[in-house]
Each structure stands twice: as C-alpha cells, then as structure tokens.
PDB file of all heavy atoms in Angstrom:
ATOM      1  N   GLY A   1      -7.536  -0.747  -8.334  1.00  0.00           N
ATOM      2  CA  GLY A   1      -6.486  -1.061  -9.298  1.00  0.00           C
ATOM      3  C   GLY A   1      -5.957   0.120 -10.072  1.00  0.00           C
ATOM      4  O   GLY A   1      -6.487   1.230 -10.007  1.00  0.00           O
ATOM      5  N   PRO A   2      -4.892  -0.111 -10.841  1.00  0.00           N
ATOM      6  CA  PRO A   2      -4.299   0.926 -11.670  1.00  0.00           C
ATOM      7  C   PRO A   2      -5.323   1.537 -12.625  1.00  0.00           C
ATOM      8  O   PRO A   2      -6.160   0.841 -13.193  1.00  0.00           O
ATOM      9  CB  PRO A   2      -3.218   0.175 -12.456  1.00  0.00           C
ATOM     10  CG  PRO A   2      -2.835  -0.957 -11.562  1.00  0.00           C
ATOM     11  CD  PRO A   2      -4.127  -1.367 -10.914  1.00  0.00           C
ATOM     12  N   CYS A   3      -5.234   2.863 -12.786  1.00  0.00           N
ATOM     13  CA  CYS A   3      -6.130   3.594 -13.672  1.00  0.00           C
ATOM     14  C   CYS A   3      -5.468   4.929 -14.038  1.00  0.00           C
ATOM     15  O   CYS A   3      -6.011   5.995 -13.764  1.00  0.00           O
ATOM     16  CB  CYS A   3      -7.471   3.819 -12.959  1.00  0.00           C
ATOM     17  SG  CYS A   3      -8.803   4.292 -14.057  1.00  0.00           S
ATOM     18  N   PRO A   4      -4.265   4.873 -14.646  1.00  0.00           N
ATOM     19  CA  PRO A   4      -3.536   6.113 -14.898  1.00  0.00           C
ATOM     20  C   PRO A   4      -4.242   7.000 -15.921  1.00  0.00           C
ATOM     21  O   PRO A   4      -4.802   6.498 -16.892  1.00  0.00           O
ATOM     22  CB  PRO A   4      -2.188   5.617 -15.433  1.00  0.00           C
ATOM     23  CG  PRO A   4      -2.480   4.294 -16.032  1.00  0.00           C
ATOM     24  CD  PRO A   4      -3.571   3.697 -15.184  1.00  0.00           C
ATOM     25  N   PRO A   5      -4.231   8.317 -15.710  1.00  0.00           N
ATOM     26  CA  PRO A   5      -4.895   9.228 -16.645  1.00  0.00           C
ATOM     27  C   PRO A   5      -4.206   9.299 -18.005  1.00  0.00           C
ATOM     28  O   PRO A   5      -4.851   9.544 -19.022  1.00  0.00           O
ATOM     29  CB  PRO A   5      -4.851  10.574 -15.931  1.00  0.00           C
ATOM     30  CG  PRO A   5      -3.721  10.471 -14.974  1.00  0.00           C
ATOM     31  CD  PRO A   5      -3.638   9.018 -14.581  1.00  0.00           C
ATOM     32  N   SER A   6      -2.885   9.072 -18.020  1.00  0.00           N
ATOM     33  CA  SER A   6      -2.150   9.076 -19.293  1.00  0.00           C
ATOM     34  C   SER A   6      -0.790   8.409 -19.087  1.00  0.00           C
ATOM     35  O   SER A   6      -0.272   8.362 -17.974  1.00  0.00           O
ATOM     36  CB  SER A   6      -1.948  10.508 -19.803  1.00  0.00           C
ATOM     37  OG  SER A   6      -1.131  11.227 -18.894  1.00  0.00           O
ATOM     38  N   GLY A   7      -0.244   7.908 -20.171  1.00  0.00           N
ATOM     39  CA  GLY A   7       1.098   7.341 -20.141  1.00  0.00           C
ATOM     40  C   GLY A   7       1.213   6.041 -19.371  1.00  0.00           C
ATOM     41  O   GLY A   7       0.230   5.493 -18.867  1.00  0.00           O
ATOM     42  N   ILE A   8       2.437   5.570 -19.290  1.00  0.00           N
ATOM     43  CA  ILE A   8       2.749   4.345 -18.549  1.00  0.00           C
ATOM     44  C   ILE A   8       3.123   4.733 -17.123  1.00  0.00           C
ATOM     45  O   ILE A   8       3.961   5.599 -16.916  1.00  0.00           O
ATOM     46  CB  ILE A   8       3.911   3.573 -19.210  1.00  0.00           C
ATOM     47  CG1 ILE A   8       3.510   3.110 -20.617  1.00  0.00           C
ATOM     48  CG2 ILE A   8       4.322   2.379 -18.348  1.00  0.00           C
ATOM     49  CD1 ILE A   8       4.660   2.503 -21.409  1.00  0.00           C
ATOM     50  N   HIS A   9       2.489   4.081 -16.162  1.00  0.00           N
ATOM     51  CA  HIS A   9       2.811   4.300 -14.752  1.00  0.00           C
ATOM     52  C   HIS A   9       3.411   3.029 -14.174  1.00  0.00           C
ATOM     53  O   HIS A   9       3.102   1.925 -14.608  1.00  0.00           O
ATOM     54  CB  HIS A   9       1.549   4.666 -13.957  1.00  0.00           C
ATOM     55  CG  HIS A   9       1.083   6.053 -14.195  1.00  0.00           C
ATOM     56  ND1 HIS A   9       0.635   6.867 -13.190  1.00  0.00           N
ATOM     57  CD2 HIS A   9       0.984   6.792 -15.331  1.00  0.00           C
ATOM     58  CE1 HIS A   9       0.280   8.033 -13.682  1.00  0.00           C
ATOM     59  NE2 HIS A   9       0.483   8.010 -14.990  1.00  0.00           N
ATOM     60  N   ARG A  10       4.247   3.216 -13.136  1.00  0.00           N
ATOM     61  CA  ARG A  10       4.814   2.093 -12.387  1.00  0.00           C
ATOM     62  C   ARG A  10       3.987   1.912 -11.113  1.00  0.00           C
ATOM     63  O   ARG A  10       3.630   2.893 -10.458  1.00  0.00           O
ATOM     64  CB  ARG A  10       6.266   2.362 -12.015  1.00  0.00           C
ATOM     65  CG  ARG A  10       7.196   2.513 -13.200  1.00  0.00           C
ATOM     66  CD  ARG A  10       8.535   3.082 -12.783  1.00  0.00           C
ATOM     67  NE  ARG A  10       8.331   4.391 -12.161  1.00  0.00           N
ATOM     68  CZ  ARG A  10       9.022   4.833 -11.108  1.00  0.00           C
ATOM     69  NH1 ARG A  10       9.966   4.105 -10.560  1.00  0.00           N
ATOM     70  NH2 ARG A  10       8.767   6.031 -10.601  1.00  0.00           N
ATOM     71  N   TYR A  11       3.735   0.670 -10.761  1.00  0.00           N
ATOM     72  CA  TYR A  11       2.955   0.339  -9.568  1.00  0.00           C
ATOM     73  C   TYR A  11       3.771  -0.600  -8.704  1.00  0.00           C
ATOM     74  O   TYR A  11       4.273  -1.608  -9.191  1.00  0.00           O
ATOM     75  CB  TYR A  11       1.620  -0.300  -9.966  1.00  0.00           C
ATOM     76  CG  TYR A  11       0.758   0.677 -10.726  1.00  0.00           C
ATOM     77  CD1 TYR A  11       0.869   0.803 -12.102  1.00  0.00           C
ATOM     78  CD2 TYR A  11      -0.124   1.506 -10.049  1.00  0.00           C
ATOM     79  CE1 TYR A  11       0.107   1.729 -12.794  1.00  0.00           C
ATOM     80  CE2 TYR A  11      -0.895   2.432 -10.731  1.00  0.00           C
ATOM     81  CZ  TYR A  11      -0.768   2.541 -12.105  1.00  0.00           C
ATOM     82  OH  TYR A  11      -1.520   3.468 -12.769  1.00  0.00           O
ATOM     83  N   PHE A  12       3.898  -0.246  -7.423  1.00  0.00           N
ATOM     84  CA  PHE A  12       4.728  -1.018  -6.508  1.00  0.00           C
ATOM     85  C   PHE A  12       3.894  -1.691  -5.427  1.00  0.00           C
ATOM     86  O   PHE A  12       3.125  -1.026  -4.732  1.00  0.00           O
ATOM     87  CB  PHE A  12       5.768  -0.110  -5.836  1.00  0.00           C
ATOM     88  CG  PHE A  12       6.816   0.382  -6.783  1.00  0.00           C
ATOM     89  CD1 PHE A  12       6.620   1.530  -7.530  1.00  0.00           C
ATOM     90  CD2 PHE A  12       7.999  -0.318  -6.945  1.00  0.00           C
ATOM     91  CE1 PHE A  12       7.581   1.987  -8.419  1.00  0.00           C
ATOM     92  CE2 PHE A  12       8.973   0.134  -7.830  1.00  0.00           C
ATOM     93  CZ  PHE A  12       8.766   1.288  -8.570  1.00  0.00           C
ATOM     94  N   PHE A  13       4.059  -3.002  -5.307  1.00  0.00           N
ATOM     95  CA  PHE A  13       3.543  -3.756  -4.173  1.00  0.00           C
ATOM     96  C   PHE A  13       4.726  -3.891  -3.230  1.00  0.00           C
ATOM     97  O   PHE A  13       5.768  -4.428  -3.628  1.00  0.00           O
ATOM     98  CB  PHE A  13       3.084  -5.155  -4.595  1.00  0.00           C
ATOM     99  CG  PHE A  13       1.869  -5.173  -5.478  1.00  0.00           C
ATOM    100  CD1 PHE A  13       1.991  -5.093  -6.856  1.00  0.00           C
ATOM    101  CD2 PHE A  13       0.609  -5.293  -4.913  1.00  0.00           C
ATOM    102  CE1 PHE A  13       0.871  -5.128  -7.672  1.00  0.00           C
ATOM    103  CE2 PHE A  13      -0.520  -5.336  -5.729  1.00  0.00           C
ATOM    104  CZ  PHE A  13      -0.390  -5.248  -7.111  1.00  0.00           C
ATOM    105  N   LYS A  14       4.610  -3.398  -2.004  1.00  0.00           N
ATOM    106  CA  LYS A  14       5.685  -3.535  -1.021  1.00  0.00           C
ATOM    107  C   LYS A  14       5.140  -4.296   0.179  1.00  0.00           C
ATOM    108  O   LYS A  14       4.147  -3.893   0.786  1.00  0.00           O
ATOM    109  CB  LYS A  14       6.218  -2.171  -0.600  1.00  0.00           C
ATOM    110  CG  LYS A  14       6.957  -1.475  -1.721  1.00  0.00           C
ATOM    111  CD  LYS A  14       7.576  -0.187  -1.284  1.00  0.00           C
ATOM    112  CE  LYS A  14       8.268   0.486  -2.456  1.00  0.00           C
ATOM    113  NZ  LYS A  14       8.738   1.822  -2.112  1.00  0.00           N
ATOM    114  N   LEU A  15       5.819  -5.381   0.502  1.00  0.00           N
ATOM    115  CA  LEU A  15       5.418  -6.238   1.609  1.00  0.00           C
ATOM    116  C   LEU A  15       6.463  -6.122   2.707  1.00  0.00           C
ATOM    117  O   LEU A  15       7.662  -6.252   2.450  1.00  0.00           O
ATOM    118  CB  LEU A  15       5.317  -7.689   1.131  1.00  0.00           C
ATOM    119  CG  LEU A  15       4.775  -8.700   2.127  1.00  0.00           C
ATOM    120  CD1 LEU A  15       3.302  -8.418   2.465  1.00  0.00           C
ATOM    121  CD2 LEU A  15       4.931 -10.116   1.572  1.00  0.00           C
ATOM    122  N   TYR A  16       6.008  -5.858   3.911  1.00  0.00           N
ATOM    123  CA  TYR A  16       6.890  -5.667   5.058  1.00  0.00           C
ATOM    124  C   TYR A  16       6.676  -6.796   6.068  1.00  0.00           C
ATOM    125  O   TYR A  16       5.530  -7.092   6.438  1.00  0.00           O
ATOM    126  CB  TYR A  16       6.592  -4.337   5.753  1.00  0.00           C
ATOM    127  CG  TYR A  16       6.749  -3.135   4.858  1.00  0.00           C
ATOM    128  CD1 TYR A  16       5.676  -2.653   4.113  1.00  0.00           C
ATOM    129  CD2 TYR A  16       7.971  -2.482   4.756  1.00  0.00           C
ATOM    130  CE1 TYR A  16       5.817  -1.547   3.283  1.00  0.00           C
ATOM    131  CE2 TYR A  16       8.117  -1.372   3.931  1.00  0.00           C
ATOM    132  CZ  TYR A  16       7.032  -0.912   3.200  1.00  0.00           C
ATOM    133  OH  TYR A  16       7.172   0.177   2.382  1.00  0.00           O
ATOM    134  N   ALA A  17       7.764  -7.403   6.523  1.00  0.00           N
ATOM    135  CA  ALA A  17       7.731  -8.380   7.611  1.00  0.00           C
ATOM    136  C   ALA A  17       7.973  -7.603   8.902  1.00  0.00           C
ATOM    137  O   ALA A  17       8.984  -6.914   9.030  1.00  0.00           O
ATOM    138  CB  ALA A  17       8.799  -9.444   7.409  1.00  0.00           C
ATOM    139  N   LEU A  18       7.035  -7.696   9.840  1.00  0.00           N
ATOM    140  CA  LEU A  18       7.101  -6.917  11.081  1.00  0.00           C
ATOM    141  C   LEU A  18       7.296  -7.814  12.294  1.00  0.00           C
ATOM    142  O   LEU A  18       6.798  -8.943  12.326  1.00  0.00           O
ATOM    143  CB  LEU A  18       5.814  -6.111  11.257  1.00  0.00           C
ATOM    144  CG  LEU A  18       5.394  -5.233  10.077  1.00  0.00           C
ATOM    145  CD1 LEU A  18       4.032  -4.599  10.342  1.00  0.00           C
ATOM    146  CD2 LEU A  18       6.445  -4.188   9.792  1.00  0.00           C
ATOM    147  N   ASP A  19       7.960  -7.280  13.306  1.00  0.00           N
ATOM    148  CA  ASP A  19       8.170  -8.045  14.544  1.00  0.00           C
ATOM    149  C   ASP A  19       7.054  -7.812  15.565  1.00  0.00           C
ATOM    150  O   ASP A  19       7.177  -8.213  16.719  1.00  0.00           O
ATOM    151  CB  ASP A  19       9.539  -7.741  15.153  1.00  0.00           C
ATOM    152  CG  ASP A  19       9.686  -6.292  15.617  1.00  0.00           C
ATOM    153  OD1 ASP A  19       8.724  -5.508  15.517  1.00  0.00           O
ATOM    154  OD2 ASP A  19      10.796  -5.946  16.073  1.00  0.00           O
ATOM    155  N   ILE A  20       5.965  -7.178  15.137  1.00  0.00           N
ATOM    156  CA  ILE A  20       4.811  -6.928  16.015  1.00  0.00           C
ATOM    157  C   ILE A  20       3.514  -7.136  15.246  1.00  0.00           C
ATOM    158  O   ILE A  20       3.491  -7.150  14.018  1.00  0.00           O
ATOM    159  CB  ILE A  20       4.798  -5.478  16.583  1.00  0.00           C
ATOM    160  CG1 ILE A  20       4.721  -4.454  15.449  1.00  0.00           C
ATOM    161  CG2 ILE A  20       5.976  -5.230  17.486  1.00  0.00           C
ATOM    162  CD1 ILE A  20       4.425  -3.037  15.901  1.00  0.00           C
ATOM    163  N   LEU A  21       2.433  -7.265  15.997  1.00  0.00           N
ATOM    164  CA  LEU A  21       1.081  -7.200  15.469  1.00  0.00           C
ATOM    165  C   LEU A  21       0.647  -5.764  15.723  1.00  0.00           C
ATOM    166  O   LEU A  21       0.761  -5.271  16.844  1.00  0.00           O
ATOM    167  CB  LEU A  21       0.181  -8.194  16.215  1.00  0.00           C
ATOM    168  CG  LEU A  21      -1.201  -8.413  15.654  1.00  0.00           C
ATOM    169  CD1 LEU A  21      -1.138  -9.018  14.258  1.00  0.00           C
ATOM    170  CD2 LEU A  21      -1.976  -9.349  16.570  1.00  0.00           C
ATOM    171  N   LEU A  22       0.207  -5.065  14.692  1.00  0.00           N
ATOM    172  CA  LEU A  22      -0.115  -3.646  14.829  1.00  0.00           C
ATOM    173  C   LEU A  22      -1.419  -3.436  15.597  1.00  0.00           C
ATOM    174  O   LEU A  22      -2.418  -4.098  15.335  1.00  0.00           O
ATOM    175  CB  LEU A  22      -0.207  -2.986  13.456  1.00  0.00           C
ATOM    176  CG  LEU A  22       1.105  -2.989  12.679  1.00  0.00           C
ATOM    177  CD1 LEU A  22       0.871  -2.569  11.238  1.00  0.00           C
ATOM    178  CD2 LEU A  22       2.121  -2.080  13.341  1.00  0.00           C
ATOM    179  N   GLN A  23      -1.388  -2.518  16.528  1.00  0.00           N
ATOM    180  CA  GLN A  23      -2.559  -2.157  17.321  1.00  0.00           C
ATOM    181  C   GLN A  23      -3.101  -0.851  16.767  1.00  0.00           C
ATOM    182  O   GLN A  23      -2.414   0.158  16.817  1.00  0.00           O
ATOM    183  CB  GLN A  23      -2.184  -1.984  18.799  1.00  0.00           C
ATOM    184  CG  GLN A  23      -1.531  -3.196  19.417  1.00  0.00           C
ATOM    185  CD  GLN A  23      -2.458  -4.399  19.431  1.00  0.00           C
ATOM    186  OE1 GLN A  23      -3.636  -4.291  19.735  1.00  0.00           O
ATOM    187  NE2 GLN A  23      -1.918  -5.554  19.073  1.00  0.00           N
ATOM    188  N   SER A  24      -4.284  -0.882  16.203  1.00  0.00           N
ATOM    189  CA  SER A  24      -4.830   0.341  15.646  1.00  0.00           C
ATOM    190  C   SER A  24      -6.313   0.227  15.418  1.00  0.00           C
ATOM    191  O   SER A  24      -6.875  -0.863  15.365  1.00  0.00           O
ATOM    192  CB  SER A  24      -4.125   0.665  14.337  1.00  0.00           C
ATOM    193  OG  SER A  24      -4.999   0.736  13.270  1.00  0.00           O
ATOM    194  N   LYS A  25      -6.920   1.371  15.241  1.00  0.00           N
ATOM    195  CA  LYS A  25      -8.296   1.406  14.774  1.00  0.00           C
ATOM    196  C   LYS A  25      -8.256   1.002  13.311  1.00  0.00           C
ATOM    197  O   LYS A  25      -7.254   1.169  12.637  1.00  0.00           O
ATOM    198  CB  LYS A  25      -8.854   2.822  14.904  1.00  0.00           C
ATOM    199  CG  LYS A  25      -8.839   3.348  16.315  1.00  0.00           C
ATOM    200  CD  LYS A  25      -9.249   4.799  16.323  1.00  0.00           C
ATOM    201  CE  LYS A  25      -9.027   5.368  17.715  1.00  0.00           C
ATOM    202  NZ  LYS A  25      -9.168   6.801  17.766  1.00  0.00           N
ATOM    203  N   ALA A  26      -9.369   0.500  12.803  1.00  0.00           N
ATOM    204  CA  ALA A  26      -9.426   0.120  11.393  1.00  0.00           C
ATOM    205  C   ALA A  26      -9.181   1.346  10.516  1.00  0.00           C
ATOM    206  O   ALA A  26      -9.503   2.460  10.903  1.00  0.00           O
ATOM    207  CB  ALA A  26     -10.774  -0.501  11.074  1.00  0.00           C
ATOM    208  N   GLY A  27      -8.599   1.135   9.365  1.00  0.00           N
ATOM    209  CA  GLY A  27      -8.453   2.202   8.401  1.00  0.00           C
ATOM    210  C   GLY A  27      -7.138   2.938   8.408  1.00  0.00           C
ATOM    211  O   GLY A  27      -7.105   4.125   8.126  1.00  0.00           O
ATOM    212  N   PHE A  28      -6.023   2.256   8.684  1.00  0.00           N
ATOM    213  CA  PHE A  28      -4.706   2.883   8.568  1.00  0.00           C
ATOM    214  C   PHE A  28      -4.577   3.544   7.189  1.00  0.00           C
ATOM    215  O   PHE A  28      -4.924   2.950   6.177  1.00  0.00           O
ATOM    216  CB  PHE A  28      -3.607   1.824   8.636  1.00  0.00           C
ATOM    217  CG  PHE A  28      -2.951   1.644   9.964  1.00  0.00           C
ATOM    218  CD1 PHE A  28      -2.808   0.372  10.497  1.00  0.00           C
ATOM    219  CD2 PHE A  28      -2.435   2.720  10.663  1.00  0.00           C
ATOM    220  CE1 PHE A  28      -2.168   0.172  11.706  1.00  0.00           C
ATOM    221  CE2 PHE A  28      -1.793   2.537  11.873  1.00  0.00           C
ATOM    222  CZ  PHE A  28      -1.663   1.261  12.399  1.00  0.00           C
ATOM    223  N   THR A  29      -4.038   4.745   7.144  1.00  0.00           N
ATOM    224  CA  THR A  29      -3.582   5.346   5.891  1.00  0.00           C
ATOM    225  C   THR A  29      -2.122   4.940   5.728  1.00  0.00           C
ATOM    226  O   THR A  29      -1.511   4.415   6.667  1.00  0.00           O
ATOM    227  CB  THR A  29      -3.679   6.884   5.939  1.00  0.00           C
ATOM    228  OG1 THR A  29      -2.815   7.348   6.993  1.00  0.00           O
ATOM    229  CG2 THR A  29      -5.112   7.355   6.158  1.00  0.00           C
ATOM    230  N   LYS A  30      -1.534   5.226   4.567  1.00  0.00           N
ATOM    231  CA  LYS A  30      -0.123   4.895   4.365  1.00  0.00           C
ATOM    232  C   LYS A  30       0.741   5.600   5.399  1.00  0.00           C
ATOM    233  O   LYS A  30       1.623   4.981   6.003  1.00  0.00           O
ATOM    234  CB  LYS A  30       0.322   5.266   2.953  1.00  0.00           C
ATOM    235  CG  LYS A  30       1.782   4.964   2.689  1.00  0.00           C
ATOM    236  CD  LYS A  30       2.221   5.388   1.301  1.00  0.00           C
ATOM    237  CE  LYS A  30       3.716   5.151   1.117  1.00  0.00           C
ATOM    238  NZ  LYS A  30       4.185   5.635  -0.194  1.00  0.00           N
TER     239      LYS A  30
END
C-alpha cells in the first residue's frame, strides 16, 4: 500500500481489458 516519505502522493489503479490471456512465467514486472 501507499507509504509516501513526505507530502501528498497520487496513486493510480489502472485496469486493462485484454483480448488475450497472457502467457508468462509468474512475476510480471510493470
């Protein structure tokens, strides 16, 4: 969760609808 060191930060949840099921090893990075 959010834990900013100082000040007000903005946090974005972005949800994507995809036309495929992703094939990958576990642990995708952004």
